[in-house]
C-alpha atoms as a PDB file:
ATOM      1  CA  MET A   1      24.568 -27.884  -8.961  1.00  0.00           C
ATOM      2  CA  ASP A   2      26.999 -26.736 -11.622  1.00  0.00           C
ATOM      3  CA  PHE A   3      25.698 -23.156 -11.707  1.00  0.00           C
ATOM      4  CA  ASN A   4      25.087 -20.308  -9.284  1.00  0.00           C
ATOM      5  CA  ILE A   5      22.092 -18.035  -9.851  1.00  0.00           C
ATOM      6  CA  ILE A   6      22.601 -14.949  -7.679  1.00  0.00           C
ATOM      7  CA  ARG A   7      19.351 -12.975  -7.815  1.00  0.00           C
ATOM      8  CA  SER A   8      16.573 -11.464  -9.877  1.00  0.00           C
ATOM      9  CA  ALA A   9      18.315  -8.652 -11.719  1.00  0.00           C
ATOM     10  CA  ARG A  10      16.381  -7.020 -14.540  1.00  0.00           C
ATOM     11  CA  ALA A  11      13.123  -7.023 -16.467  1.00  0.00           C
ATOM     12  CA  VAL A  12      12.539  -6.134 -20.105  1.00  0.00           C
ATOM     13  CA  LEU A  13       9.091  -4.652 -20.764  1.00  0.00           C
ATOM     14  CA  HIS A  14       7.567  -3.489 -24.027  1.00  0.00           C
ATOM     15  CA  VAL A  15       5.714  -0.175 -23.741  1.00  0.00           C
ATOM     16  CA  THR A  16       3.795   1.819 -26.317  1.00  0.00           C
ATOM     17  CA  ASP A  17       4.794   5.390 -25.376  1.00  0.00           C
ATOM     18  CA  LEU A  18       8.290   6.068 -24.053  1.00  0.00           C
ATOM     19  CA  GLU A  19       7.521   9.628 -23.005  1.00  0.00           C
ATOM     20  CA  ALA A  20       4.492   8.535 -20.987  1.00  0.00           C
ATOM     21  CA  SER A  21       6.636   5.826 -19.392  1.00  0.00           C
ATOM     22  CA  ARG A  22       9.410   8.313 -18.592  1.00  0.00           C
ATOM     23  CA  LYS A  23       6.971  10.674 -16.904  1.00  0.00           C
ATOM     24  CA  PHE A  24       5.660   7.821 -14.754  1.00  0.00           C
ATOM     25  CA  TYR A  25       8.875   5.991 -13.869  1.00  0.00           C
ATOM     26  CA  VAL A  26      11.374   8.852 -13.768  1.00  0.00           C
ATOM     27  CA  ASP A  27       9.408  12.017 -12.984  1.00  0.00           C
ATOM     28  CA  ALA A  28       6.850  10.484 -10.619  1.00  0.00           C
ATOM     29  CA  LEU A  29       8.528   7.411  -9.116  1.00  0.00           C
ATOM     30  CA  GLY A  30      12.100   8.674  -9.127  1.00  0.00           C
ATOM     31  CA  PHE A  31      13.838   5.900 -11.041  1.00  0.00           C
ATOM     32  CA  ILE A  32      17.292   6.885 -12.290  1.00  0.00           C
ATOM     33  CA  GLU A  33      17.459   7.123 -16.061  1.00  0.00           C
ATOM     34  CA  THR A  34      20.896   5.736 -16.898  1.00  0.00           C
ATOM     35  CA  GLU A  35      20.529   6.143 -20.660  1.00  0.00           C
ATOM     36  CA  SER A  36      17.904   6.349 -23.365  1.00  0.00           C
ATOM     37  CA  ASP A  37      17.426   6.569 -27.106  1.00  0.00           C
ATOM     38  CA  GLU A  38      14.419   6.752 -29.396  1.00  0.00           C
ATOM     39  CA  ASN A  39      13.457   3.146 -28.667  1.00  0.00           C
ATOM     40  CA  HIS A  40      14.750   2.387 -25.147  1.00  0.00           C
ATOM     41  CA  ILE A  41      14.874   3.742 -21.617  1.00  0.00           C
ATOM     42  CA  TYR A  42      17.341   2.125 -19.191  1.00  0.00           C
ATOM     43  CA  LEU A  43      16.325   2.580 -15.545  1.00  0.00           C
ATOM     44  CA  ARG A  44      17.861   1.695 -12.191  1.00  0.00           C
ATOM     45  CA  GLY A  45      17.489   2.373  -8.488  1.00  0.00           C
ATOM     46  CA  LEU A  46      19.611   4.610  -6.300  1.00  0.00           C
ATOM     47  CA  GLU A  47      21.408   1.659  -4.711  1.00  0.00           C
ATOM     48  CA  GLU A  48      22.184  -0.225  -7.908  1.00  0.00           C
ATOM     49  CA  HIS A  49      25.623  -0.282  -9.474  1.00  0.00           C
ATOM     50  CA  ASN A  50      24.601  -2.218 -12.593  1.00  0.00           C
ATOM     51  CA  HIS A  51      23.657  -0.170 -15.653  1.00  0.00           C
ATOM     52  CA  HIS A  52      19.932  -0.909 -15.310  1.00  0.00           C
ATOM     53  CA  SER A  53      17.376  -3.181 -13.707  1.00  0.00           C
ATOM     54  CA  LEU A  54      14.412  -2.184 -15.863  1.00  0.00           C
ATOM     55  CA  LEU A  55      14.557  -1.830 -19.634  1.00  0.00           C
ATOM     56  CA  LEU A  56      11.571  -0.249 -21.368  1.00  0.00           C
ATOM     57  CA  LYS A  57      11.419  -0.907 -25.116  1.00  0.00           C
ATOM     58  CA  LYS A  58       9.113   0.914 -27.493  1.00  0.00           C
ATOM     59  CA  ALA A  59       6.697  -1.479 -29.194  1.00  0.00           C
ATOM     60  CA  GLY A  60       3.178  -1.707 -30.528  1.00  0.00           C
ATOM     61  CA  THR A  61       1.877  -3.928 -27.743  1.00  0.00           C
ATOM     62  CA  PRO A  62       2.747  -3.971 -24.007  1.00  0.00           C
ATOM     63  CA  VAL A  63       4.207  -7.404 -23.196  1.00  0.00           C
ATOM     64  CA  VAL A  64       7.040  -8.924 -21.162  1.00  0.00           C
ATOM     65  CA  GLU A  65      10.143  -9.817 -23.178  1.00  0.00           C
ATOM     66  CA  ALA A  66      12.332 -11.256 -20.414  1.00  0.00           C
ATOM     67  CA  LEU A  67      12.737 -11.777 -16.673  1.00  0.00           C
ATOM     68  CA  GLY A  68      16.450 -11.649 -15.969  1.00  0.00           C
ATOM     69  CA  TYR A  69      18.663 -13.338 -13.374  1.00  0.00           C
ATOM     70  CA  LYS A  70      22.294 -12.545 -12.682  1.00  0.00           C
ATOM     71  CA  VAL A  71      24.720 -15.458 -12.350  1.00  0.00           C
ATOM     72  CA  SER A  72      28.271 -15.574 -10.983  1.00  0.00           C
ATOM     73  CA  SER A  73      30.288 -16.194 -14.129  1.00  0.00           C
ATOM     74  CA  GLU A  74      30.368 -17.159 -17.786  1.00  0.00           C
ATOM     75  CA  HIS A  75      30.856 -20.748 -16.615  1.00  0.00           C
ATOM     76  CA  ASP A  76      27.418 -20.589 -15.008  1.00  0.00           C
ATOM     77  CA  LEU A  77      25.881 -19.536 -18.316  1.00  0.00           C
ATOM     78  CA  GLU A  78      27.426 -22.497 -20.103  1.00  0.00           C
ATOM     79  CA  ALA A  79      26.297 -24.857 -17.349  1.00  0.00           C
ATOM     80  CA  LEU A  80      22.749 -23.471 -17.442  1.00  0.00           C
ATOM     81  CA  ALA A  81      22.605 -23.840 -21.223  1.00  0.00           C
ATOM     82  CA  LEU A  82      23.697 -27.472 -20.925  1.00  0.00           C
ATOM     83  CA  PHE A  83      21.148 -28.088 -18.166  1.00  0.00           C
ATOM     84  CA  PHE A  84      18.197 -26.615 -20.062  1.00  0.00           C
ATOM     85  CA  GLU A  85      19.094 -28.397 -23.295  1.00  0.00           C
ATOM     86  CA  LYS A  86      19.336 -31.732 -21.471  1.00  0.00           C
ATOM     87  CA  GLU A  87      15.939 -31.049 -19.881  1.00  0.00           C
ATOM     88  CA  GLY A  88      14.434 -30.442 -23.306  1.00  0.00           C
ATOM     89  CA  TYR A  89      14.158 -26.640 -23.245  1.00  0.00           C
ATOM     90  CA  PRO A  90      15.648 -25.002 -26.363  1.00  0.00           C
ATOM     91  CA  THR A  91      17.930 -22.080 -25.523  1.00  0.00           C
ATOM     92  CA  LYS A  92      18.854 -18.900 -27.330  1.00  0.00           C
ATOM     93  CA  TRP A  93      22.157 -17.033 -27.027  1.00  0.00           C
ATOM     94  CA  MET A  94      22.351 -13.259 -27.348  1.00  0.00           C
ATOM     95  CA  GLU A  95      26.010 -12.520 -27.823  1.00  0.00           C
ATOM     96  CA  LYS A  96      27.855  -9.613 -26.234  1.00  0.00           C
ATOM     97  CA  GLY A  97      27.244  -6.475 -28.281  1.00  0.00           C
ATOM     98  CA  SER A  98      23.803  -7.526 -29.484  1.00  0.00           C
ATOM     99  CA  GLN A  99      22.240  -5.720 -26.497  1.00  0.00           C
ATOM    100  CA  HIS A 100      23.359  -2.438 -25.011  1.00  0.00           C
ATOM    101  CA  ALA A 101      25.277  -2.482 -21.696  1.00  0.00           C
ATOM    102  CA  ILE A 102      24.854  -6.209 -21.045  1.00  0.00           C
ATOM    103  CA  GLY A 103      27.135  -9.131 -21.804  1.00  0.00           C
ATOM    104  CA  ARG A 104      26.434 -12.524 -23.284  1.00  0.00           C
ATOM    105  CA  THR A 105      22.932 -13.600 -22.324  1.00  0.00           C
ATOM    106  CA  LEU A 106      21.151 -16.943 -22.286  1.00  0.00           C
ATOM    107  CA  ARG A 107      17.397 -16.955 -22.887  1.00  0.00           C
ATOM    108  CA  VAL A 108      14.901 -19.773 -22.449  1.00  0.00           C
ATOM    109  CA  ASN A 109      11.200 -20.288 -21.757  1.00  0.00           C
ATOM    110  CA  ASP A 110      10.864 -22.205 -18.501  1.00  0.00           C
ATOM    111  CA  ILE A 111       8.582 -25.105 -17.595  1.00  0.00           C
ATOM    112  CA  ALA A 112       5.589 -22.746 -17.344  1.00  0.00           C
ATOM    113  CA  GLY A 113       6.443 -20.800 -20.504  1.00  0.00           C
ATOM    114  CA  LEU A 114       7.890 -17.733 -18.773  1.00  0.00           C
ATOM    115  CA  PRO A 115      10.712 -16.002 -20.721  1.00  0.00           C
ATOM    116  CA  LEU A 116      13.880 -16.161 -18.628  1.00  0.00           C
ATOM    117  CA  GLU A 117      17.305 -14.731 -19.263  1.00  0.00           C
ATOM    118  CA  PHE A 118      20.608 -15.253 -17.456  1.00  0.00           C
ATOM    119  CA  PHE A 119      23.668 -13.028 -17.619  1.00  0.00           C
ATOM    120  CA  ALA A 120      26.929 -12.604 -15.747  1.00  0.00           C
ATOM    121  CA  GLU A 121      28.123  -9.251 -17.041  1.00  0.00           C
ATOM    122  CA  MET A 122      26.580  -5.789 -17.199  1.00  0.00           C
ATOM    123  CA  ASP A 123      28.202  -2.363 -17.414  1.00  0.00           C
ATOM    124  CA  THR A 124      28.638  -0.718 -14.028  1.00  0.00           C
ATOM    125  CA  VAL A 125      27.699   2.838 -13.090  1.00  0.00           C
ATOM    126  CA  ASP A 126      27.943   5.064 -10.028  1.00  0.00           C
ATOM    127  CA  ARG A 127      25.966   3.876  -7.044  1.00  0.00           C
ATOM    128  CA  LEU A 128      23.816   6.831  -5.952  1.00  0.00           C
ATOM    129  CA  LEU A 129      22.801   5.582  -2.525  1.00  0.00           C
ATOM    130  CA  GLN A 130      24.192   8.650  -0.730  1.00  0.00           C
ATOM    131  CA  ARG A 131      23.211  11.168  -3.391  1.00  0.00           C
ATOM    132  CA  TYR A 132      20.278  12.258  -1.263  1.00  0.00           C
ATOM    133  CA  ASP A 133      19.850  15.306  -3.461  1.00  0.00           C
ATOM    134  CA  LEU A 134      18.596  12.900  -6.168  1.00  0.00           C
ATOM    135  CA  TYR A 135      16.025  11.157  -3.964  1.00  0.00           C
ATOM    136  CA  LYS A 136      12.547  11.868  -5.285  1.00  0.00           C
ATOM    137  CA  GLY A 137       9.248  10.106  -5.822  1.00  0.00           C
ATOM    138  CA  SER A 138       9.424   6.627  -4.307  1.00  0.00           C
ATOM    139  CA  ARG A 139      13.197   6.865  -3.622  1.00  0.00           C
ATOM    140  CA  MET A 140      13.429   3.481  -5.330  1.00  0.00           C
ATOM    141  CA  GLN A 141      16.515   1.520  -4.278  1.00  0.00           C
ATOM    142  CA  ARG A 142      16.692  -1.727  -6.291  1.00  0.00           C
ATOM    143  CA  ILE A 143      14.791  -4.486  -8.048  1.00  0.00           C
ATOM    144  CA  ASP A 144      13.650  -7.206  -5.659  1.00  0.00           C
ATOM    145  CA  HIS A 145      11.465  -9.910  -7.237  1.00  0.00           C
ATOM    146  CA  PHE A 146       9.130 -11.179  -9.919  1.00  0.00           C
ATOM    147  CA  ASN A 147       5.635 -12.523  -9.245  1.00  0.00           C
ATOM    148  CA  CYS A 148       4.157 -14.790 -11.914  1.00  0.00           C
ATOM    149  CA  ALA A 149       0.848 -16.501 -12.595  1.00  0.00           C
ATOM    150  CA  VAL A 150       1.287 -20.089 -13.787  1.00  0.00           C
ATOM    151  CA  THR A 151      -1.111 -22.914 -14.520  1.00  0.00           C
ATOM    152  CA  ASP A 152       0.672 -25.460 -12.282  1.00  0.00           C
ATOM    153  CA  VAL A 153       2.378 -24.002  -9.190  1.00  0.00           C
ATOM    154  CA  GLU A 154       3.598 -27.346  -7.872  1.00  0.00           C
ATOM    155  CA  GLU A 155       5.312 -28.083 -11.181  1.00  0.00           C
ATOM    156  CA  SER A 156       7.085 -24.700 -11.184  1.00  0.00           C
ATOM    157  CA  TYR A 157       7.983 -25.050  -7.511  1.00  0.00           C
ATOM    158  CA  LYS A 158       9.634 -28.429  -8.061  1.00  0.00           C
ATOM    159  CA  PHE A 159      11.518 -27.210 -11.136  1.00  0.00           C
ATOM    160  CA  TYR A 160      12.938 -24.095  -9.453  1.00  0.00           C
ATOM    161  CA  HIS A 161      13.554 -25.736  -6.079  1.00  0.00           C
ATOM    162  CA  GLU A 162      14.949 -29.103  -7.116  1.00  0.00           C
ATOM    163  CA  LYS A 163      16.676 -28.223 -10.388  1.00  0.00           C
ATOM    164  CA  LEU A 164      17.601 -24.525 -10.217  1.00  0.00           C
ATOM    165  CA  GLY A 165      18.475 -24.373  -6.510  1.00  0.00           C
ATOM    166  CA  PHE A 166      15.879 -21.896  -5.255  1.00  0.00           C
ATOM    167  CA  ALA A 167      14.874 -22.144  -1.573  1.00  0.00           C
ATOM    168  CA  CYS A 168      11.286 -21.746  -0.349  1.00  0.00           C
ATOM    169  CA  SER A 169      10.511 -19.108   2.282  1.00  0.00           C
ATOM    170  CA  GLU A 170       6.687 -19.258   2.428  1.00  0.00           C
ATOM    171  CA  TYR A 171       3.855 -21.057   0.703  1.00  0.00           C
ATOM    172  CA  THR A 172       0.067 -21.250   0.608  1.00  0.00           C
ATOM    173  CA  ASP A 173      -1.823 -24.517   0.323  1.00  0.00           C
ATOM    174  CA  THR A 174      -5.439 -25.502  -0.146  1.00  0.00           C
ATOM    175  CA  PRO A 175      -7.669 -27.706   2.049  1.00  0.00           C
ATOM    176  CA  GLU A 176      -6.934 -30.516  -0.428  1.00  0.00           C
ATOM    177  CA  GLY A 177      -3.196 -30.188   0.228  1.00  0.00           C
ATOM    178  CA  ASN A 178      -2.235 -28.560  -3.084  1.00  0.00           C
ATOM    179  CA  ILE A 179       0.370 -25.799  -3.241  1.00  0.00           C
ATOM    180  CA  TRP A 180      -1.524 -22.693  -4.352  1.00  0.00           C
ATOM    181  CA  ALA A 181       1.377 -20.250  -4.219  1.00  0.00           C
ATOM    182  CA  THR A 182       5.066 -20.349  -3.344  1.00  0.00           C
ATOM    183  CA  TRP A 183       7.819 -17.798  -2.615  1.00  0.00           C
ATOM    184  CA  LEU A 184      11.308 -18.810  -3.738  1.00  0.00           C
ATOM    185  CA  HIS A 185      14.654 -17.095  -3.283  1.00  0.00           C
ATOM    186  CA  ARG A 186      18.317 -17.137  -4.206  1.00  0.00           C
ATOM    187  CA  LYS A 187      19.338 -13.961  -2.396  1.00  0.00           C
ATOM    188  CA  GLN A 188      18.822 -13.838   1.369  1.00  0.00           C
ATOM    189  CA  ASN A 189      15.355 -12.358   1.680  1.00  0.00           C
ATOM    190  CA  VAL A 190      11.833 -13.697   1.108  1.00  0.00           C
ATOM    191  CA  HIS A 191      11.858 -14.088  -2.662  1.00  0.00           C
ATOM    192  CA  ASP A 192      13.340 -13.558  -6.066  1.00  0.00           C
ATOM    193  CA  VAL A 193      10.289 -15.104  -7.694  1.00  0.00           C
ATOM    194  CA  ALA A 194       6.807 -16.106  -6.572  1.00  0.00           C
ATOM    195  CA  PHE A 195       4.388 -18.386  -8.383  1.00  0.00           C
ATOM    196  CA  MET A 196       0.622 -18.099  -8.090  1.00  0.00           C
ATOM    197  CA  ASN A 197      -2.122 -20.357  -9.443  1.00  0.00           C
ATOM    198  CA  GLY A 198      -4.028 -18.705 -12.267  1.00  0.00           C
ATOM    199  CA  LYS A 199      -4.208 -18.056 -15.985  1.00  0.00           C
ATOM    200  CA  GLY A 200      -0.684 -18.237 -17.261  1.00  0.00           C
ATOM    201  CA  PRO A 201       2.056 -17.880 -18.021  1.00  0.00           C
ATOM    202  CA  ARG A 202       1.798 -14.171 -17.170  1.00  0.00           C
ATOM    203  CA  LEU A 203       3.768 -11.649 -15.136  1.00  0.00           C
ATOM    204  CA  HIS A 204       1.649 -10.401 -12.261  1.00  0.00           C
ATOM    205  CA  HIS A 205       4.156  -7.797 -11.070  1.00  0.00           C
ATOM    206  CA  ILE A 206       7.763  -6.749 -10.616  1.00  0.00           C
ATOM    207  CA  GLY A 207       8.721  -5.809  -7.056  1.00  0.00           C
ATOM    208  CA  PHE A 208      11.085  -2.916  -6.307  1.00  0.00           C
ATOM    209  CA  TRP A 209      12.654  -2.315  -2.908  1.00  0.00           C
ATOM    210  CA  LEU A 210      12.120   1.025  -1.113  1.00  0.00           C
ATOM    211  CA  PRO A 211      14.084   2.281   1.906  1.00  0.00           C
ATOM    212  CA  ASP A 212      11.148   2.463   4.354  1.00  0.00           C
ATOM    213  CA  GLN A 213       7.370   2.595   4.771  1.00  0.00           C
ATOM    214  CA  LEU A 214       7.241   6.386   4.626  1.00  0.00           C
ATOM    215  CA  ALA A 215       8.646   6.259   1.105  1.00  0.00           C
ATOM    216  CA  LEU A 216       5.562   4.293   0.012  1.00  0.00           C
ATOM    217  CA  ILE A 217       3.199   6.786   1.615  1.00  0.00           C
ATOM    218  CA  HIS A 218       5.114   9.706   0.105  1.00  0.00           C
ATOM    219  CA  THR A 219       4.788   8.012  -3.285  1.00  0.00           C
ATOM    220  CA  CYS A 220       1.001   8.107  -2.984  1.00  0.00           C
ATOM    221  CA  ASP A 221       1.111  11.850  -2.340  1.00  0.00           C
ATOM    222  CA  VAL A 222       3.412  12.438  -5.312  1.00  0.00           C
ATOM    223  CA  LEU A 223       1.292  10.312  -7.642  1.00  0.00           C
ATOM    224  CA  ALA A 224      -1.912  12.052  -6.586  1.00  0.00           C
ATOM    225  CA  SER A 225      -0.366  15.489  -7.031  1.00  0.00           C
ATOM    226  CA  MET A 226       0.746  14.567 -10.577  1.00  0.00           C
ATOM    227  CA  GLY A 227      -2.628  13.177 -11.613  1.00  0.00           C
ATOM    228  CA  TYR A 228      -1.746   9.490 -11.222  1.00  0.00           C
ATOM    229  CA  GLY A 229      -4.278   8.710  -8.508  1.00  0.00           C
ATOM    230  CA  GLU A 230      -5.923   6.041 -10.655  1.00  0.00           C
ATOM    231  CA  SER A 231      -2.554   4.314 -11.070  1.00  0.00           C
ATOM    232  CA  ILE A 232      -2.681   3.321  -7.388  1.00  0.00           C
ATOM    233  CA  GLU A 233      -4.284  -0.123  -7.543  1.00  0.00           C
ATOM    234  CA  ARG A 234      -3.839  -1.460  -4.014  1.00  0.00           C
ATOM    235  CA  GLY A 235      -2.351  -0.296  -0.718  1.00  0.00           C
ATOM    236  CA  PRO A 236      -0.447   0.985   1.084  1.00  0.00           C
ATOM    237  CA  GLY A 237      -0.746  -2.029   3.364  1.00  0.00           C
ATOM    238  CA  ARG A 238       1.141  -4.855   5.030  1.00  0.00           C
ATOM    239  CA  HIS A 239       1.234  -8.432   3.811  1.00  0.00           C
ATOM    240  CA  GLY A 240       0.869 -11.341   6.188  1.00  0.00           C
ATOM    241  CA  LEU A 241       3.025 -13.318   3.832  1.00  0.00           C
ATOM    242  CA  SER A 242       6.542 -11.825   4.038  1.00  0.00           C
ATOM    243  CA  ASN A 243       5.460  -9.140   6.570  1.00  0.00           C
ATOM    244  CA  ALA A 244       6.382  -6.572   3.915  1.00  0.00           C
ATOM    245  CA  PHE A 245       4.814  -3.137   3.460  1.00  0.00           C
ATOM    246  CA  PHE A 246       3.418  -2.807  -0.070  1.00  0.00           C
ATOM    247  CA  LEU A 247       1.970  -0.495  -2.685  1.00  0.00           C
ATOM    248  CA  TYR A 248       0.780  -1.746  -6.090  1.00  0.00           C
ATOM    249  CA  LEU A 249       0.726   0.520  -9.129  1.00  0.00           C
ATOM    250  CA  ARG A 250      -0.164   0.206 -12.807  1.00  0.00           C
ATOM    251  CA  ASP A 251       2.068   1.954 -15.305  1.00  0.00           C
ATOM    252  CA  PRO A 252       0.674   3.735 -18.401  1.00  0.00           C
ATOM    253  CA  ASP A 253       0.608   0.429 -20.330  1.00  0.00           C
ATOM    254  CA  GLY A 254      -0.991  -1.561 -17.516  1.00  0.00           C
ATOM    255  CA  HIS A 255       2.139  -3.361 -16.332  1.00  0.00           C
ATOM    256  CA  ARG A 256       1.886  -3.852 -12.570  1.00  0.00           C
ATOM    257  CA  ILE A 257       4.738  -2.966 -10.223  1.00  0.00           C
ATOM    258  CA  GLU A 258       4.997  -3.346  -6.482  1.00  0.00           C
ATOM    259  CA  LEU A 259       6.832  -0.933  -4.229  1.00  0.00           C
ATOM    260  CA  TYR A 260       8.046  -3.099  -1.383  1.00  0.00           C
ATOM    261  CA  SER A 261       9.831  -2.694   1.953  1.00  0.00           C
ATOM    262  CA  GLY A 262      10.439  -4.568   5.165  1.00  0.00           C
ATOM    263  CA  ASP A 263      10.596  -8.342   4.740  1.00  0.00           C
ATOM    264  CA  TYR A 264      13.108 -10.532   6.616  1.00  0.00           C
ATOM    265  CA  LEU A 265      16.333 -12.566   6.455  1.00  0.00           C
ATOM    266  CA  THR A 266      16.173 -16.119   5.069  1.00  0.00           C
ATOM    267  CA  SER A 267      19.865 -17.067   4.991  1.00  0.00           C
ATOM    268  CA  ASP A 268      20.012 -19.720   7.723  1.00  0.00           C
ATOM    269  CA  PRO A 269      20.243 -23.281   6.356  1.00  0.00           C
ATOM    270  CA  ASP A 270      17.769 -24.508   8.983  1.00  0.00           C
ATOM    271  CA  PHE A 271      15.124 -21.924   8.028  1.00  0.00           C
ATOM    272  CA  LYS A 272      11.798 -23.717   7.626  1.00  0.00           C
ATOM    273  CA  PRO A 273       9.245 -22.460   5.070  1.00  0.00           C
ATOM    274  CA  ILE A 274       6.202 -20.768   6.586  1.00  0.00           C
ATOM    275  CA  ARG A 275       2.851 -22.318   5.697  1.00  0.00           C
ATOM    276  CA  TRP A 276      -0.331 -20.285   5.152  1.00  0.00           C
ATOM    277  CA  ASP A 277      -3.812 -21.699   4.712  1.00  0.00           C
ATOM    278  CA  ILE A 278      -5.551 -20.273   1.644  1.00  0.00           C
ATOM    279  CA  ASN A 279      -8.575 -19.377   3.780  1.00  0.00           C
ATOM    280  CA  ASP A 280      -6.548 -17.282   6.229  1.00  0.00           C
ATOM    281  CA  PRO A 281      -7.472 -13.656   5.366  1.00  0.00           C
ATOM    282  CA  MET A 282      -4.329 -12.296   7.046  1.00  0.00           C
ATOM    283  CA  ARG A 283      -2.002 -13.983   4.569  1.00  0.00           C
ATOM    284  CA  GLN A 284      -2.960 -11.595   1.791  1.00  0.00           C
ATOM    285  CA  THR A 285      -3.287  -8.391   3.770  1.00  0.00           C
ATOM    286  CA  PHE A 286      -2.306  -8.448   7.420  1.00  0.00           C
ATOM    287  CA  TRP A 287      -4.791  -5.646   8.162  1.00  0.00           C
ATOM    288  CA  GLY A 288      -7.669  -7.506   6.512  1.00  0.00           C
ATOM    289  CA  HIS A 289      -8.742  -5.361   3.546  1.00  0.00           C
ATOM    290  CA  ALA A 290      -9.450  -7.156   0.271  1.00  0.00           C
ATOM    291  CA  ALA A 291      -7.753  -6.680  -3.084  1.00  0.00           C
ATOM    292  CA  PRO A 292      -9.742  -5.232  -6.008  1.00  0.00           C
ATOM    293  CA  ASP A 293     -11.295  -7.651  -8.506  1.00  0.00           C
ATOM    294  CA  LYS A 294      -8.838  -6.765 -11.289  1.00  0.00           C
ATOM    295  CA  TRP A 295      -6.079  -7.989  -9.002  1.00  0.00           C
ATOM    296  CA  PHE A 296      -7.301 -11.536  -9.702  1.00  0.00           C
ATOM    297  CA  THR A 297      -7.806 -11.234 -13.438  1.00  0.00           C
ATOM    298  CA  GLU A 298      -5.256  -8.828 -14.936  1.00  0.00           C
ATOM    299  CA  ALA A 299      -1.569  -9.467 -15.630  1.00  0.00           C
ATOM    300  CA  SER A 300       0.999  -8.957 -18.405  1.00  0.00           C
ATOM    301  CA  THR A 301       1.402 -11.503 -21.199  1.00  0.00           C
ATOM    302  CA  VAL A 302       4.861 -12.836 -22.055  1.00  0.00           C
ATOM    303  CA  LEU A 303       6.842 -13.614 -25.206  1.00  0.00           C
ATOM    304  CA  ASN A 304       8.361 -16.773 -26.600  1.00  0.00           C
ATOM    305  CA  VAL A 305      12.109 -16.096 -26.624  1.00  0.00           C
ATOM    306  CA  HIS A 306      12.545 -17.853 -29.995  1.00  0.00           C
ATOM    307  CA  THR A 307       9.591 -16.627 -32.036  1.00  0.00           C
ATOM    308  CA  GLY A 308       8.855 -13.286 -30.381  1.00  0.00           C
ATOM    309  CA  GLU A 309       5.178 -14.242 -30.311  1.00  0.00           C
ATOM    310  CA  VAL A 310       2.948 -14.014 -27.237  1.00  0.00           C
ATOM    311  CA  VAL A 311       2.850 -17.289 -25.298  1.00  0.00           C
ATOM    312  CA  GLU A 312      -0.669 -18.723 -25.158  1.00  0.00           C
ATOM    313  CA  VAL A 313      -2.424 -18.121 -21.836  1.00  0.00           C
ATOM    314  CA  LYS A 314      -4.208 -21.126 -20.318  1.00  0.00           C
ATOM    315  CA  GLU A 315      -6.429 -21.669 -17.296  1.00  0.00           C
ATOM    316  CA  GLY A 316      -4.913 -22.598 -13.937  1.00  0.00           C
ATOM    317  CA  LYS A 317      -4.863 -26.243 -12.898  1.00  0.00           C
ATOM    318  CA  LEU A 318      -6.555 -25.753  -9.527  1.00  0.00           C
ATOM    319  CA  LYS A 319     -10.115 -24.708  -8.827  1.00  0.00           C
ATOM    320  CA  GLN A 320     -10.348 -21.025  -7.979  1.00  0.00           C
ATOM    321  CA  HIS A 321     -10.343 -19.878  -4.375  1.00  0.00           C
ATOM    322  CA  LYS A 322     -10.701 -16.309  -3.165  1.00  0.00           C
ATOM    323  CA  PRO A 323      -8.650 -14.509  -2.089  1.00  0.00           C
ATOM    324  CA  THR A 324      -6.275 -15.547  -4.860  1.00  0.00           C
ATOM    325  CA  PHE A 325      -3.105 -13.556  -5.478  1.00  0.00           C
ATOM    326  CA  VAL A 326      -1.062 -12.467  -2.552  1.00  0.00           C
ATOM    327  CA  ILE A 327       2.269 -10.704  -2.565  1.00  0.00           C
END
């Protein structure tokens, strides 16, 4: 391939109340607020040296503007633009200076309609990994992955695996042999993006990496003490898929985030994807407890990168099975 996608790197979410979002993300969860103004809050984790990994933008409706991937160089951006245009996907350039703290950016809606962006350059800031005096809330370290609901998982899998160079770590299939869900990565852990069968395109959640399992449990105590008990949607628990410890939360606008720790290395070229049967209850939660009903039905809508309008949500291609969403 003529381009090198490094990792999932930032998300751009629209929120309706910046102060409510700041209280949740900064005061409760302990994200680092790099900068802010009357319309934006730029957040990052303690480990991150890029300016931000989560951008919250004030808007009238909570939607997802972009799911961002970092690439190696400007050459990669040009190569990606050429690739998408040849494949029939119109691209949009956001030149350096049109967005704060980030360089030239390529945006495109992918095969499922998800709004992607690619960038090579972002302002750097101090890494706060050893500023233990700043550790609070979840002690959030870095962004880890996106999880998306799409109408045709096999189609998205083939596009990302065969054409964008993502490797598969784990997958779920149905008794009929259809791929129900897939976990794909560029960096050397379980995933940068996962695709699940369902109404889409929608963002199910953004995953953020925490230093250990105790940080997730401590987060629950902090949230409860601050009156955010109802924001805890699912967990703490351990996934069968990925073996990771998890906690799912809903922010004040309903966007879902996962606090995540403890998956495994996937760097070896002879690593073989792990198969899970959709009827195996341990794939979703290793300990066996079920997800709440809203887990299957609720997710964030996404924008068309060209029009700024919400992309139409359609039914999934496959017949519904329960349990549905996993990690």
